[in-house]
Amino acid sequence: MKKEQIEKAAREFTDDLIAENYFDVNYEEDNYDAGSLHATSEVGSMAFLKGAEWRINSVWHDVNKAPQKGKFVLFECNREYGVTYTVNYGENYDIMKNVIIRWAYIEDLIPTK
């Protein structure tokens, strides 16, 4: 997902959240509910974006931690001509570790239902 798509999804999520919890604010005792609605509007998108950002970055491992051999791995590598990506079963880690920036298990990159 691109950043713009995540931001759009965040807005839609917040709008849906507000719609699900919508209530009329007619009385003084409803100030708490009005504040809740306002807080959801203010923080909902930001919380969604931070959650999406966390999910994207949480699957990546530091280069100092070797991947388990036999598991399908995506390596992000720093080459002379720029950043590249390579996929294998973790068997080339020792040879490649001087160019690896970070790595992730492919199974962690695939969304779960």
Protein backbone atom coordinates (compact mmCIF):
# COMPACT_ATOMS: atom_id res chain seq x y z
CA MET A 1 0.00 0.00 0.00
CA LYS A 2 1.20 3.47 -0.79
CA LYS A 3 1.17 6.21 1.84
CA GLU A 4 -1.75 7.95 0.10
CA GLN A 5 -3.79 4.72 0.18
CA ILE A 6 -3.06 4.26 3.89
CA GLU A 7 -4.06 7.88 4.61
CA LYS A 8 -7.31 7.39 2.67
CA ALA A 9 -8.00 4.16 4.57
CA ALA A 10 -7.30 6.01 7.83
CA ARG A 11 -9.85 8.71 6.99
CA GLU A 12 -12.43 6.10 6.01
CA PHE A 13 -11.73 4.11 9.19
CA THR A 14 -12.20 7.21 11.35
CA ASP A 15 -15.38 8.23 9.53
CA ASP A 16 -16.78 4.71 9.96
CA LEU A 17 -15.79 4.67 13.62
CA ILE A 18 -17.57 7.96 14.22
CA ALA A 19 -20.63 6.80 12.26
CA GLU A 20 -20.83 3.60 14.34
CA ASN A 21 -20.69 5.58 17.56
CA TYR A 22 -22.70 8.58 16.41
CA PHE A 23 -25.01 10.17 18.92
CA ASP A 24 -26.93 13.39 19.20
CA VAL A 25 -25.49 15.99 21.52
CA ASN A 26 -28.47 17.91 22.85
CA TYR A 27 -27.95 18.25 26.57
CA GLU A 28 -25.29 19.53 28.90
CA GLU A 29 -24.65 16.03 30.26
CA ASP A 30 -23.68 14.99 26.72
CA ASN A 31 -20.45 17.00 26.91
CA TYR A 32 -18.52 13.80 27.60
CA ASP A 33 -19.95 12.20 24.46
CA ALA A 34 -19.22 15.33 22.43
CA GLY A 35 -15.63 15.28 23.67
CA SER A 36 -15.38 11.59 22.81
CA LEU A 37 -16.61 12.24 19.27
CA HIS A 38 -14.17 15.12 18.86
CA ALA A 39 -11.27 13.05 20.22
CA THR A 40 -12.11 10.20 17.84
CA SER A 41 -12.15 12.63 14.94
CA GLU A 42 -8.85 14.19 16.01
CA VAL A 43 -6.89 11.07 16.91
CA GLY A 44 -8.53 8.29 14.91
CA SER A 45 -6.66 8.87 11.65
CA MET A 46 -3.34 9.39 13.40
CA ALA A 47 -3.77 6.18 15.42
CA PHE A 48 -4.66 4.24 12.28
CA LEU A 49 -1.63 5.64 10.41
CA LYS A 50 0.72 4.83 13.30
CA GLY A 51 -0.70 1.30 13.44
CA ALA A 52 -0.19 0.80 9.70
CA GLU A 53 3.34 2.19 9.95
CA TRP A 54 4.11 -0.14 12.86
CA ARG A 55 2.77 -3.15 10.93
CA ILE A 56 4.88 -2.34 7.88
CA ASN A 57 8.08 -1.92 9.89
CA SER A 58 7.51 -4.66 12.48
CA VAL A 59 8.33 -7.52 10.10
CA TRP A 60 11.86 -6.32 9.32
CA HIS A 61 14.79 -7.77 11.27
CA ASP A 62 18.16 -6.25 12.07
CA VAL A 63 21.11 -7.46 10.01
CA ASN A 64 22.84 -8.72 13.18
CA LYS A 65 20.16 -11.38 13.65
CA ALA A 66 20.55 -14.25 11.17
CA PRO A 67 17.40 -15.65 9.55
CA GLN A 68 16.39 -19.25 10.01
CA LYS A 69 17.73 -21.37 7.15
CA GLY A 70 15.09 -22.99 5.00
CA LYS A 71 12.58 -20.17 5.45
CA PHE A 72 11.78 -17.92 2.50
CA VAL A 73 13.50 -14.56 3.18
CA LEU A 74 13.52 -11.13 1.51
CA PHE A 75 16.84 -9.31 1.89
CA GLU A 76 17.14 -5.54 1.42
CA CYS A 77 20.71 -4.94 0.25
CA ASN A 78 22.88 -1.88 -0.24
CA ARG A 79 24.83 -2.18 -3.49
CA GLU A 80 27.11 0.31 -5.24
CA TYR A 81 24.29 1.11 -7.65
CA GLY A 82 21.57 1.45 -4.99
CA VAL A 83 19.24 -0.57 -2.82
CA THR A 84 18.23 -3.97 -4.18
CA TYR A 85 16.06 -6.82 -2.97
CA THR A 86 16.79 -10.51 -3.24
CA VAL A 87 14.82 -13.55 -2.15
CA ASN A 88 16.17 -16.94 -1.08
CA TYR A 89 15.89 -19.53 1.67
CA GLY A 90 18.32 -17.78 4.02
CA GLU A 91 21.27 -19.90 2.91
CA ASN A 92 23.35 -16.98 1.55
CA TYR A 93 23.15 -14.84 4.69
CA ASP A 94 26.77 -15.35 5.78
CA ILE A 95 28.07 -14.43 2.32
CA MET A 96 25.73 -11.46 1.89
CA LYS A 97 25.61 -10.00 5.41
CA ASN A 98 28.08 -7.22 4.59
CA VAL A 99 25.59 -5.75 2.08
CA ILE A 100 22.31 -6.61 3.85
CA ILE A 101 20.49 -3.62 5.36
CA ARG A 102 17.61 -5.60 6.85
CA TRP A 103 15.58 -8.71 6.11
CA ALA A 104 12.07 -10.15 6.56
CA TYR A 105 10.45 -13.55 6.34
CA ILE A 106 8.17 -13.63 3.29
CA GLU A 107 5.39 -15.22 5.37
CA ASP A 108 5.42 -12.12 7.63
CA LEU A 109 4.98 -9.82 4.63
CA ILE A 110 1.85 -11.60 3.42
CA PRO A 111 -1.33 -10.30 5.05
CA THR A 112 -3.31 -12.73 7.15
CA LYS A 113 -7.07 -12.98 7.01
